[in-house]
N, C-alpha and C. Protein backbone atom coordinates (compact mmCIF):
# COMPACT_ATOMS: atom_id res chain seq x y z
N MET A 1 -154.09 158.54 44.81
CA MET A 1 -153.14 157.46 44.94
C MET A 1 -151.86 157.98 45.58
N PHE A 2 -151.37 157.28 46.53
CA PHE A 2 -150.19 157.71 47.27
C PHE A 2 -148.92 157.54 46.44
N ILE A 3 -148.75 156.41 45.80
CA ILE A 3 -147.58 156.15 44.95
C ILE A 3 -148.09 155.84 43.55
N ASP A 4 -147.58 156.59 42.58
CA ASP A 4 -147.96 156.40 41.19
C ASP A 4 -146.94 155.48 40.51
N ILE A 5 -147.41 154.35 40.02
CA ILE A 5 -146.53 153.40 39.34
C ILE A 5 -146.33 153.84 37.90
N GLN A 6 -145.08 153.79 37.45
CA GLN A 6 -144.76 154.12 36.07
C GLN A 6 -144.15 152.90 35.40
N THR A 7 -144.60 152.63 34.19
CA THR A 7 -144.05 151.53 33.40
C THR A 7 -143.53 152.13 32.10
N ILE A 8 -142.28 151.82 31.78
CA ILE A 8 -141.68 152.36 30.56
C ILE A 8 -141.06 151.24 29.75
N GLU A 9 -141.00 151.48 28.45
CA GLU A 9 -140.39 150.52 27.53
C GLU A 9 -139.50 151.29 26.59
N GLY A 10 -138.36 150.72 26.26
CA GLY A 10 -137.48 151.38 25.31
C GLY A 10 -136.07 150.84 25.36
N GLU A 11 -135.18 151.58 24.70
CA GLU A 11 -133.78 151.20 24.60
C GLU A 11 -132.99 151.81 25.75
N VAL A 12 -132.11 151.01 26.33
CA VAL A 12 -131.29 151.43 27.46
C VAL A 12 -130.08 152.21 26.96
N SER A 13 -129.74 153.27 27.71
CA SER A 13 -128.51 154.03 27.41
C SER A 13 -127.93 154.54 28.73
N LYS A 14 -126.69 154.97 28.66
CA LYS A 14 -125.98 155.61 29.77
C LYS A 14 -126.06 154.81 31.07
N ILE A 15 -125.56 153.59 31.04
CA ILE A 15 -125.57 152.72 32.22
C ILE A 15 -124.40 153.08 33.13
N SER A 16 -124.67 153.15 34.42
CA SER A 16 -123.59 153.31 35.39
C SER A 16 -123.92 152.47 36.62
N ASN A 17 -122.89 151.94 37.24
CA ASN A 17 -123.06 151.08 38.41
C ASN A 17 -122.30 151.67 39.59
N THR A 18 -122.92 151.61 40.75
CA THR A 18 -122.25 151.99 41.99
C THR A 18 -122.53 150.91 43.02
N SER A 19 -121.74 150.85 44.07
CA SER A 19 -122.01 149.93 45.16
C SER A 19 -122.09 150.69 46.47
N GLU A 20 -122.89 150.15 47.35
CA GLU A 20 -123.08 150.71 48.67
C GLU A 20 -122.81 149.60 49.68
N THR A 21 -121.88 149.83 50.57
CA THR A 21 -121.55 148.84 51.60
C THR A 21 -121.92 149.43 52.96
N VAL A 22 -122.72 148.68 53.70
CA VAL A 22 -123.16 149.13 55.02
C VAL A 22 -123.00 147.98 56.01
N GLY A 23 -122.85 148.33 57.26
CA GLY A 23 -122.74 147.32 58.31
C GLY A 23 -121.81 147.76 59.40
N GLU A 24 -121.53 146.84 60.29
CA GLU A 24 -120.63 147.14 61.38
C GLU A 24 -119.91 145.87 61.81
N VAL A 25 -118.72 146.06 62.34
CA VAL A 25 -117.92 144.97 62.87
C VAL A 25 -117.45 145.38 64.25
N THR A 26 -117.61 144.49 65.19
CA THR A 26 -117.16 144.77 66.55
C THR A 26 -116.15 143.72 66.98
N ALA A 27 -115.22 144.12 67.80
CA ALA A 27 -114.21 143.20 68.32
C ALA A 27 -114.18 143.30 69.83
N ARG A 28 -114.27 142.17 70.45
CA ARG A 28 -114.14 142.08 71.91
C ARG A 28 -113.08 141.04 72.20
N GLY A 29 -111.89 141.55 72.38
CA GLY A 29 -110.77 140.63 72.56
C GLY A 29 -110.50 139.90 71.25
N PRO A 30 -110.37 138.59 71.33
CA PRO A 30 -110.08 137.83 70.11
C PRO A 30 -111.33 137.52 69.27
N ILE A 31 -112.52 137.88 69.78
CA ILE A 31 -113.77 137.56 69.09
C ILE A 31 -114.20 138.76 68.24
N VAL A 32 -114.32 138.53 66.95
CA VAL A 32 -114.76 139.57 66.02
C VAL A 32 -116.10 139.14 65.44
N SER A 33 -117.08 140.04 65.48
CA SER A 33 -118.39 139.71 64.92
C SER A 33 -118.94 140.94 64.22
N GLY A 34 -119.94 140.71 63.40
CA GLY A 34 -120.57 141.81 62.70
C GLY A 34 -121.25 141.34 61.43
N ARG A 35 -121.78 142.31 60.72
CA ARG A 35 -122.49 142.02 59.49
C ARG A 35 -122.24 143.16 58.51
N ILE A 36 -121.84 142.81 57.33
CA ILE A 36 -121.60 143.80 56.28
C ILE A 36 -122.37 143.35 55.04
N GLU A 37 -123.09 144.28 54.43
CA GLU A 37 -123.85 143.99 53.20
C GLU A 37 -123.43 144.96 52.11
N THR A 38 -123.38 144.46 50.90
CA THR A 38 -123.09 145.31 49.75
C THR A 38 -124.26 145.23 48.77
N HIS A 39 -124.74 146.39 48.36
CA HIS A 39 -125.81 146.47 47.37
C HIS A 39 -125.28 147.16 46.12
N GLN A 40 -125.72 146.67 44.98
CA GLN A 40 -125.35 147.26 43.70
C GLN A 40 -126.47 148.19 43.25
N HIS A 41 -126.12 149.39 42.84
CA HIS A 41 -127.08 150.35 42.30
C HIS A 41 -126.76 150.49 40.81
N THR A 42 -127.73 150.16 39.97
CA THR A 42 -127.57 150.30 38.53
C THR A 42 -128.44 151.46 38.07
N TYR A 43 -127.81 152.48 37.51
CA TYR A 43 -128.52 153.63 36.95
C TYR A 43 -128.49 153.51 35.44
N PHE A 44 -129.61 153.81 34.79
CA PHE A 44 -129.67 153.76 33.33
C PHE A 44 -130.80 154.66 32.86
N ARG A 45 -130.80 154.94 31.58
CA ARG A 45 -131.86 155.77 30.98
C ARG A 45 -132.68 154.92 30.01
N VAL A 46 -133.99 155.15 30.03
CA VAL A 46 -134.91 154.56 29.07
C VAL A 46 -135.78 155.70 28.58
N ASN A 47 -135.72 155.97 27.29
CA ASN A 47 -136.47 157.08 26.69
C ASN A 47 -136.19 158.40 27.42
N GLY A 48 -134.96 158.60 27.80
CA GLY A 48 -134.56 159.85 28.45
C GLY A 48 -134.86 159.93 29.94
N LYS A 49 -135.55 158.93 30.50
CA LYS A 49 -135.88 158.94 31.92
C LYS A 49 -134.82 158.16 32.69
N VAL A 50 -134.36 158.75 33.79
CA VAL A 50 -133.35 158.09 34.62
C VAL A 50 -134.03 157.04 35.49
N CYS A 51 -133.46 155.83 35.49
CA CYS A 51 -133.98 154.72 36.27
C CYS A 51 -132.88 154.20 37.19
N LYS A 52 -133.31 153.62 38.32
CA LYS A 52 -132.36 153.06 39.28
C LYS A 52 -132.90 151.72 39.75
N TYR A 53 -132.01 150.71 39.76
CA TYR A 53 -132.38 149.40 40.29
C TYR A 53 -131.35 149.02 41.34
N LYS A 54 -131.82 148.69 42.53
CA LYS A 54 -130.94 148.33 43.64
C LYS A 54 -131.10 146.84 43.94
N SER A 55 -129.96 146.11 43.97
CA SER A 55 -130.00 144.69 44.27
C SER A 55 -128.68 144.26 44.86
N ARG A 56 -128.60 143.02 45.26
CA ARG A 56 -127.34 142.49 45.80
C ARG A 56 -126.39 142.05 44.70
N ASP A 57 -126.94 141.66 43.57
CA ASP A 57 -126.10 141.08 42.52
C ASP A 57 -126.06 141.87 41.22
N GLY A 58 -126.58 143.08 41.20
CA GLY A 58 -126.52 143.90 39.99
C GLY A 58 -127.58 143.53 38.98
N LEU A 59 -127.49 144.14 37.83
CA LEU A 59 -128.50 143.98 36.79
C LEU A 59 -127.83 143.64 35.47
N PRO A 60 -128.23 142.54 34.82
CA PRO A 60 -127.64 142.18 33.52
C PRO A 60 -128.16 143.11 32.43
N LEU A 61 -127.35 144.08 32.06
CA LEU A 61 -127.81 145.15 31.19
C LEU A 61 -126.66 145.69 30.35
N SER A 62 -126.94 145.98 29.09
CA SER A 62 -125.96 146.59 28.20
C SER A 62 -126.61 147.73 27.44
N ASP A 63 -125.80 148.69 27.00
CA ASP A 63 -126.33 149.77 26.17
C ASP A 63 -127.00 149.19 24.93
N GLY A 64 -128.17 149.69 24.60
CA GLY A 64 -128.89 149.24 23.42
C GLY A 64 -129.90 148.13 23.69
N ASP A 65 -129.90 147.55 24.91
CA ASP A 65 -130.88 146.51 25.23
C ASP A 65 -132.28 147.11 25.25
N GLU A 66 -133.25 146.35 24.79
CA GLU A 66 -134.66 146.74 24.85
C GLU A 66 -135.23 146.22 26.16
N VAL A 67 -135.85 147.11 26.96
CA VAL A 67 -136.34 146.71 28.27
C VAL A 67 -137.76 147.22 28.52
N ILE A 68 -138.40 146.58 29.50
CA ILE A 68 -139.66 147.05 30.07
C ILE A 68 -139.38 147.14 31.57
N ALA A 69 -139.62 148.29 32.16
CA ALA A 69 -139.36 148.48 33.58
C ALA A 69 -140.56 149.14 34.24
N SER A 70 -140.80 148.77 35.49
CA SER A 70 -141.92 149.33 36.23
C SER A 70 -141.45 149.69 37.64
N GLY A 71 -141.88 150.86 38.10
CA GLY A 71 -141.48 151.30 39.44
C GLY A 71 -142.19 152.59 39.78
N PHE A 72 -141.66 153.30 40.75
CA PHE A 72 -142.26 154.56 41.17
C PHE A 72 -141.21 155.66 41.13
N GLN A 73 -141.68 156.89 40.95
CA GLN A 73 -140.77 158.01 40.82
C GLN A 73 -140.46 158.61 42.18
N LYS A 74 -139.15 158.84 42.41
CA LYS A 74 -138.69 159.45 43.65
C LYS A 74 -137.56 160.41 43.31
N ASN A 75 -137.74 161.68 43.58
CA ASN A 75 -136.75 162.72 43.29
C ASN A 75 -136.32 162.73 41.82
N GLY A 76 -137.26 162.53 40.92
CA GLY A 76 -136.97 162.58 39.49
C GLY A 76 -136.36 161.31 38.92
N VAL A 77 -136.18 160.29 39.74
CA VAL A 77 -135.60 159.01 39.30
C VAL A 77 -136.64 157.92 39.48
N ILE A 78 -136.80 157.07 38.47
CA ILE A 78 -137.74 155.95 38.59
C ILE A 78 -137.02 154.82 39.34
N GLU A 79 -137.52 154.52 40.54
CA GLU A 79 -137.00 153.42 41.35
C GLU A 79 -137.65 152.14 40.83
N VAL A 80 -136.89 151.36 40.09
CA VAL A 80 -137.42 150.20 39.40
C VAL A 80 -137.66 149.05 40.39
N CYS A 81 -138.88 148.51 40.39
CA CYS A 81 -139.22 147.36 41.22
C CYS A 81 -139.20 146.06 40.42
N SER A 82 -139.51 146.15 39.14
CA SER A 82 -139.53 144.98 38.28
C SER A 82 -139.01 145.36 36.90
N PHE A 83 -138.29 144.43 36.28
CA PHE A 83 -137.52 144.74 35.09
C PHE A 83 -137.48 143.52 34.17
N TYR A 84 -137.76 143.74 32.89
CA TYR A 84 -137.64 142.67 31.89
C TYR A 84 -136.76 143.16 30.76
N ASN A 85 -135.65 142.45 30.52
CA ASN A 85 -134.75 142.75 29.44
C ASN A 85 -135.18 141.90 28.24
N LYS A 86 -135.78 142.55 27.24
CA LYS A 86 -136.29 141.83 26.07
C LYS A 86 -135.15 141.25 25.24
N THR A 87 -133.98 141.91 25.25
CA THR A 87 -132.86 141.44 24.45
C THR A 87 -132.31 140.13 24.98
N THR A 88 -132.12 140.04 26.30
CA THR A 88 -131.56 138.82 26.90
C THR A 88 -132.63 137.93 27.51
N GLN A 89 -133.88 138.36 27.48
CA GLN A 89 -135.01 137.66 28.07
C GLN A 89 -134.77 137.33 29.54
N THR A 90 -134.33 138.37 30.29
CA THR A 90 -134.07 138.25 31.72
C THR A 90 -135.08 139.09 32.47
N ILE A 91 -135.62 138.54 33.55
CA ILE A 91 -136.53 139.29 34.40
C ILE A 91 -135.94 139.37 35.80
N LYS A 92 -136.00 140.56 36.41
CA LYS A 92 -135.53 140.77 37.79
C LYS A 92 -136.59 141.57 38.53
N SER A 93 -136.81 141.24 39.78
CA SER A 93 -137.80 141.96 40.59
C SER A 93 -137.35 142.02 42.04
N VAL A 94 -137.82 143.04 42.73
CA VAL A 94 -137.60 143.11 44.17
C VAL A 94 -138.52 142.11 44.85
N SER A 95 -138.26 141.80 46.09
CA SER A 95 -139.10 140.86 46.83
C SER A 95 -140.19 141.60 47.57
N SER A 96 -141.43 141.38 47.16
CA SER A 96 -142.53 142.00 47.89
C SER A 96 -142.88 141.19 49.13
N LEU A 97 -142.51 139.91 49.14
CA LEU A 97 -142.79 139.05 50.28
C LEU A 97 -142.07 139.54 51.54
N SER A 98 -140.82 140.00 51.38
CA SER A 98 -140.10 140.50 52.55
C SER A 98 -140.75 141.78 53.10
N ALA A 99 -141.31 142.61 52.22
CA ALA A 99 -142.01 143.81 52.69
C ALA A 99 -143.23 143.42 53.51
N TYR A 100 -143.97 142.41 53.05
CA TYR A 100 -145.13 141.95 53.81
C TYR A 100 -144.70 141.43 55.19
N ALA A 101 -143.62 140.65 55.22
CA ALA A 101 -143.15 140.07 56.47
C ALA A 101 -142.68 141.16 57.45
N TYR A 102 -141.88 142.11 56.97
CA TYR A 102 -141.41 143.19 57.84
C TYR A 102 -142.57 144.05 58.33
N GLY A 103 -143.50 144.36 57.44
CA GLY A 103 -144.65 145.18 57.83
C GLY A 103 -145.50 144.48 58.87
N LEU A 104 -145.77 143.21 58.67
CA LEU A 104 -146.56 142.44 59.63
C LEU A 104 -145.84 142.36 60.97
N MET A 105 -144.53 142.17 60.94
CA MET A 105 -143.75 142.10 62.17
C MET A 105 -143.86 143.42 62.96
N LEU A 106 -143.76 144.55 62.26
CA LEU A 106 -143.88 145.84 62.93
C LEU A 106 -145.27 146.04 63.53
N ILE A 107 -146.29 145.62 62.80
CA ILE A 107 -147.66 145.76 63.32
C ILE A 107 -147.84 144.91 64.57
N VAL A 108 -147.37 143.67 64.52
CA VAL A 108 -147.52 142.77 65.67
C VAL A 108 -146.74 143.30 66.88
N LEU A 109 -145.55 143.84 66.64
CA LEU A 109 -144.77 144.41 67.76
C LEU A 109 -145.35 145.73 68.24
N GLY A 110 -145.94 146.51 67.34
CA GLY A 110 -146.45 147.83 67.70
C GLY A 110 -147.77 147.82 68.43
N ILE A 111 -148.62 146.84 68.17
CA ILE A 111 -149.95 146.82 68.81
C ILE A 111 -149.85 146.76 70.33
N PRO A 112 -149.04 145.86 70.92
CA PRO A 112 -148.96 145.86 72.40
C PRO A 112 -148.37 147.15 72.98
N LEU A 113 -147.54 147.84 72.19
CA LEU A 113 -146.93 149.08 72.67
C LEU A 113 -147.81 150.30 72.44
N SER A 114 -148.95 150.13 71.79
CA SER A 114 -149.82 151.26 71.47
C SER A 114 -150.43 151.90 72.71
N PHE A 115 -150.56 151.16 73.78
CA PHE A 115 -151.15 151.75 74.98
C PHE A 115 -150.23 152.79 75.60
N ILE A 116 -148.95 152.79 75.28
CA ILE A 116 -148.06 153.85 75.76
C ILE A 116 -147.65 154.78 74.61
N TYR A 117 -148.41 154.73 73.53
CA TYR A 117 -148.29 155.61 72.37
C TYR A 117 -147.04 155.39 71.51
N ILE A 118 -146.02 154.71 72.01
CA ILE A 118 -144.84 154.48 71.18
C ILE A 118 -145.15 153.47 70.07
N GLY A 119 -146.15 152.65 70.27
CA GLY A 119 -146.50 151.64 69.28
C GLY A 119 -147.24 152.19 68.08
N VAL A 120 -147.87 153.36 68.22
CA VAL A 120 -148.65 153.93 67.12
C VAL A 120 -147.77 154.19 65.89
N PRO A 121 -146.62 154.89 66.03
CA PRO A 121 -145.79 155.08 64.83
C PRO A 121 -145.21 153.76 64.30
N ILE A 122 -145.00 152.80 65.19
CA ILE A 122 -144.49 151.50 64.74
C ILE A 122 -145.54 150.80 63.89
N VAL A 123 -146.80 150.83 64.34
CA VAL A 123 -147.89 150.23 63.56
C VAL A 123 -148.07 150.96 62.23
N LEU A 124 -148.02 152.29 62.26
CA LEU A 124 -148.15 153.06 61.01
C LEU A 124 -147.00 152.75 60.05
N GLY A 125 -145.79 152.59 60.59
CA GLY A 125 -144.66 152.20 59.75
C GLY A 125 -144.88 150.83 59.13
N GLY A 126 -145.43 149.89 59.89
CA GLY A 126 -145.75 148.56 59.36
C GLY A 126 -146.77 148.61 58.25
N ILE A 127 -147.80 149.46 58.43
CA ILE A 127 -148.82 149.61 57.39
C ILE A 127 -148.21 150.20 56.12
N LEU A 128 -147.32 151.19 56.27
CA LEU A 128 -146.65 151.79 55.12
C LEU A 128 -145.79 150.76 54.38
N ILE A 129 -145.07 149.94 55.11
CA ILE A 129 -144.22 148.93 54.47
C ILE A 129 -145.07 147.91 53.72
N ILE A 130 -146.19 147.51 54.29
CA ILE A 130 -147.08 146.57 53.58
C ILE A 130 -147.63 147.24 52.32
N TYR A 131 -147.99 148.53 52.41
CA TYR A 131 -148.47 149.27 51.24
C TYR A 131 -147.40 149.28 50.13
N LEU A 132 -146.15 149.52 50.51
CA LEU A 132 -145.06 149.51 49.52
C LEU A 132 -144.90 148.11 48.91
N GLY A 133 -145.10 147.07 49.72
CA GLY A 133 -145.06 145.70 49.19
C GLY A 133 -146.17 145.44 48.19
N ILE A 134 -147.34 145.99 48.45
CA ILE A 134 -148.46 145.85 47.50
C ILE A 134 -148.13 146.54 46.19
N LYS A 135 -147.56 147.75 46.27
CA LYS A 135 -147.17 148.48 45.06
C LYS A 135 -146.07 147.74 44.29
N ALA A 136 -145.11 147.14 45.01
CA ALA A 136 -144.07 146.35 44.35
C ALA A 136 -144.69 145.14 43.64
N SER A 137 -145.69 144.52 44.26
CA SER A 137 -146.39 143.39 43.63
C SER A 137 -147.10 143.84 42.35
N GLU A 138 -147.68 145.04 42.37
CA GLU A 138 -148.32 145.57 41.17
C GLU A 138 -147.30 145.77 40.05
N CYS A 139 -146.13 146.30 40.40
CA CYS A 139 -145.06 146.48 39.40
C CYS A 139 -144.66 145.14 38.79
N ILE A 140 -144.51 144.13 39.64
CA ILE A 140 -144.12 142.80 39.17
C ILE A 140 -145.20 142.25 38.24
N SER A 141 -146.47 142.43 38.61
CA SER A 141 -147.57 141.95 37.76
C SER A 141 -147.60 142.66 36.42
N LEU A 142 -147.37 143.97 36.42
CA LEU A 142 -147.36 144.73 35.16
C LEU A 142 -146.25 144.26 34.23
N VAL A 143 -145.06 144.09 34.77
CA VAL A 143 -143.93 143.67 33.92
C VAL A 143 -144.11 142.23 33.46
N THR A 144 -144.62 141.36 34.32
CA THR A 144 -144.86 139.97 33.93
C THR A 144 -145.91 139.90 32.82
N ALA A 145 -146.99 140.67 32.95
CA ALA A 145 -148.02 140.68 31.90
C ALA A 145 -147.45 141.25 30.60
N ALA A 146 -146.65 142.32 30.70
CA ALA A 146 -146.05 142.91 29.51
C ALA A 146 -145.07 141.94 28.86
N MET A 147 -144.33 141.21 29.67
CA MET A 147 -143.39 140.21 29.15
C MET A 147 -144.15 139.12 28.40
N ASN A 148 -145.25 138.65 28.97
CA ASN A 148 -146.05 137.61 28.31
C ASN A 148 -146.63 138.11 27.00
N LEU A 149 -147.09 139.36 26.98
CA LEU A 149 -147.60 139.95 25.73
C LEU A 149 -146.48 140.07 24.71
N ASP A 150 -145.30 140.46 25.14
CA ASP A 150 -144.16 140.63 24.24
C ASP A 150 -143.75 139.28 23.64
N LEU A 151 -143.76 138.24 24.45
CA LEU A 151 -143.35 136.92 23.96
C LEU A 151 -144.35 136.33 22.98
N HIS A 152 -145.59 136.82 23.01
CA HIS A 152 -146.61 136.33 22.08
C HIS A 152 -146.78 137.24 20.87
N GLY A 153 -145.84 138.19 20.68
CA GLY A 153 -145.83 139.01 19.48
C GLY A 153 -146.75 140.20 19.47
N GLU A 154 -147.37 140.52 20.61
CA GLU A 154 -148.25 141.67 20.65
C GLU A 154 -147.48 142.88 21.18
N PRO A 155 -147.74 144.06 20.66
CA PRO A 155 -147.01 145.24 21.14
C PRO A 155 -147.43 145.61 22.56
N PHE A 156 -146.52 146.19 23.28
CA PHE A 156 -146.78 146.64 24.64
C PHE A 156 -146.99 148.14 24.65
N ASN A 157 -148.09 148.59 25.24
CA ASN A 157 -148.39 150.01 25.37
C ASN A 157 -148.28 150.38 26.84
N PRO A 158 -147.24 151.16 27.23
CA PRO A 158 -147.07 151.46 28.66
C PRO A 158 -148.15 152.35 29.25
N LYS A 159 -149.01 152.94 28.41
CA LYS A 159 -150.07 153.80 28.93
C LYS A 159 -151.32 153.00 29.30
N SER A 160 -151.37 151.74 28.87
CA SER A 160 -152.51 150.91 29.22
C SER A 160 -152.04 149.80 30.14
N ASN A 161 -152.95 149.29 30.94
CA ASN A 161 -152.62 148.23 31.88
C ASN A 161 -152.80 146.89 31.18
N PRO A 162 -151.71 146.10 31.00
CA PRO A 162 -151.84 144.82 30.32
C PRO A 162 -152.74 143.84 31.05
N LEU A 163 -152.98 144.07 32.35
CA LEU A 163 -153.83 143.16 33.10
C LEU A 163 -155.31 143.32 32.75
N ASP A 164 -155.67 144.44 32.08
CA ASP A 164 -157.06 144.67 31.71
C ASP A 164 -157.48 143.84 30.50
N LYS A 165 -156.52 143.25 29.79
CA LYS A 165 -156.85 142.50 28.57
C LYS A 165 -157.22 141.08 28.87
């Protein structure tokens, strides 16, 4: 397996928030144009594991909240794709649909360029983005199933796949 999905459950501690602002603004005489985006990065620990969730609007989270999170590990940090806060009954997830759209767009643009070889890495990049979208969908499914099990009073075991039941 290329990307190993991890699902964890436990109490949140050591929350920290950062923001990342990217973009550009250009001015040509009196006309100013550009695009600037700000993303919120929420870092927290669950059972001693460092987790990170990146979004535009942050994550509703407090120390001591009980959560279920699913994502993949990158450089020792779990990049959370889907998140359920059991204390506030809030669910947040990344958009896997945008990954499918971007990946398909790259494949469609890359295929005509493949005859001059520049399209091959573009097509491969599109395939990788679609693969990441599939993995994000799996994370969303795992957390949604775990949330449904939690709401019906059954314990959640992160070592087993709730979709198998």
